[in-house]
Amino acid sequence: MANIKSAKKRARQAVKRRLRNRMHKGAARTLVKKVRACIAAGDYEGGMAAFRLAQSKLDSVARKGVIKKNTAARLKRRLNAQLKKLAPSA
C-alpha cells in the first residue's frame, strides 16, 4: 500500500476508474452478443435494431478510452458485414 498521500489518492482513483471501465465494457459486450444472437437466429430486423444500439455503445466506449478506436471500428465492421449477408434481396 502507498504511503504518500497523492499515491493513496491515485490508488483510490484507479479503483473507481477500473470499475467504471468494466461496467462500460461489459455493457458493450452484452450488446454485441445480442447482435450475434440475432444473426445466428437469422433475424435481420432484430439484428439491425440491436446493431444500432451496439454501434452507439461501441463508439461511446471508444471515445472514453475503454477500448481502442480501431477495435470498435473492427467490431462494427464485422457485425455489419454479417448483417448484410442476412439482408433480404430487394
Protein backbone atom coordinates (compact mmCIF):
# COMPACT_ATOMS: atom_id res chain seq x y z
CA MET A 1 0.00 0.00 0.00
CA ALA A 2 1.14 3.52 -0.76
CA ASN A 3 2.46 5.78 1.98
CA ILE A 4 2.36 9.13 0.20
CA LYS A 5 -0.94 10.98 0.24
CA SER A 6 -1.03 11.58 -3.53
CA ALA A 7 -0.24 7.91 -4.21
CA LYS A 8 -3.12 6.85 -1.95
CA LYS A 9 -5.45 9.15 -3.88
CA ARG A 10 -4.20 7.74 -7.19
CA ALA A 11 -4.90 4.22 -5.93
CA ARG A 12 -8.47 5.20 -5.00
CA GLN A 13 -8.99 6.83 -8.40
CA ALA A 14 -7.62 3.78 -10.19
CA VAL A 15 -10.14 1.53 -8.44
CA LYS A 16 -13.04 3.80 -9.39
CA ARG A 17 -11.88 4.03 -12.99
CA ARG A 18 -11.38 0.28 -13.29
CA LEU A 19 -14.91 -0.40 -12.06
CA ARG A 20 -16.39 2.23 -14.37
CA ASN A 21 -14.43 0.86 -17.34
CA ARG A 22 -15.54 -2.71 -16.58
CA MET A 23 -19.16 -1.57 -16.45
CA HIS A 24 -18.99 0.16 -19.84
CA LYS A 25 -17.02 -2.65 -21.44
CA GLY A 26 -19.45 -5.26 -20.13
CA ALA A 27 -22.45 -3.32 -21.44
CA ALA A 28 -20.84 -3.05 -24.89
CA ARG A 29 -20.01 -6.76 -24.87
CA THR A 30 -23.62 -7.61 -23.97
CA LEU A 31 -24.98 -5.54 -26.86
CA VAL A 32 -22.56 -7.19 -29.30
CA LYS A 33 -23.70 -10.61 -28.05
CA LYS A 34 -27.33 -9.63 -28.71
CA VAL A 35 -26.46 -8.73 -32.31
CA ARG A 36 -24.63 -12.04 -32.75
CA ALA A 37 -27.62 -13.92 -31.31
CA CYS A 38 -29.93 -12.25 -33.83
CA ILE A 39 -27.52 -13.11 -36.64
CA ALA A 40 -27.40 -16.76 -35.52
CA ALA A 41 -31.21 -16.84 -35.41
CA GLY A 42 -31.44 -15.24 -38.86
CA ASP A 43 -33.40 -12.26 -37.55
CA TYR A 44 -32.39 -9.35 -39.80
CA GLU A 45 -34.74 -6.69 -38.38
CA GLY A 46 -33.92 -7.52 -34.77
CA GLY A 47 -30.25 -7.66 -35.68
CA MET A 48 -30.32 -4.20 -37.23
CA ALA A 49 -32.07 -2.73 -34.19
CA ALA A 50 -29.55 -4.38 -31.85
CA PHE A 51 -26.68 -3.30 -34.14
CA ARG A 52 -27.69 0.37 -33.88
CA LEU A 53 -27.54 0.18 -30.08
CA ALA A 54 -24.26 -1.73 -30.13
CA GLN A 55 -22.73 0.70 -32.62
CA SER A 56 -23.61 3.65 -30.41
CA LYS A 57 -22.24 1.96 -27.28
CA LEU A 58 -19.01 0.92 -29.02
CA ASP A 59 -18.45 4.48 -30.22
CA SER A 60 -19.10 5.77 -26.72
CA VAL A 61 -16.73 3.27 -25.10
CA ALA A 62 -14.01 4.05 -27.67
CA ARG A 63 -14.43 7.78 -27.03
CA LYS A 64 -13.97 7.20 -23.30
CA GLY A 65 -10.78 5.25 -23.98
CA VAL A 66 -12.04 1.97 -22.53
CA ILE A 67 -11.31 0.19 -25.81
CA LYS A 68 -9.23 1.40 -28.73
CA LYS A 69 -10.91 3.23 -31.58
CA ASN A 70 -9.72 0.66 -34.12
CA THR A 71 -11.12 -2.22 -32.03
CA ALA A 72 -14.55 -0.59 -32.01
CA ALA A 73 -14.36 0.03 -35.76
CA ARG A 74 -13.33 -3.58 -36.41
CA LEU A 75 -16.20 -4.98 -34.32
CA LYS A 76 -18.74 -2.73 -36.04
CA ARG A 77 -17.40 -3.60 -39.49
CA ARG A 78 -17.57 -7.35 -38.85
CA LEU A 79 -21.07 -7.24 -37.37
CA ASN A 80 -22.30 -5.09 -40.24
CA ALA A 81 -20.82 -7.49 -42.82
CA GLN A 82 -22.62 -10.42 -41.19
CA LEU A 83 -25.90 -8.49 -41.13
CA LYS A 84 -25.56 -7.59 -44.81
CA LYS A 85 -25.45 -11.30 -45.64
CA LEU A 86 -28.84 -11.71 -43.94
CA ALA A 87 -30.40 -8.71 -45.71
CA PRO A 88 -33.38 -9.61 -47.88
CA SER A 89 -32.72 -9.06 -51.57
CA ALA A 90 -34.67 -6.02 -52.72
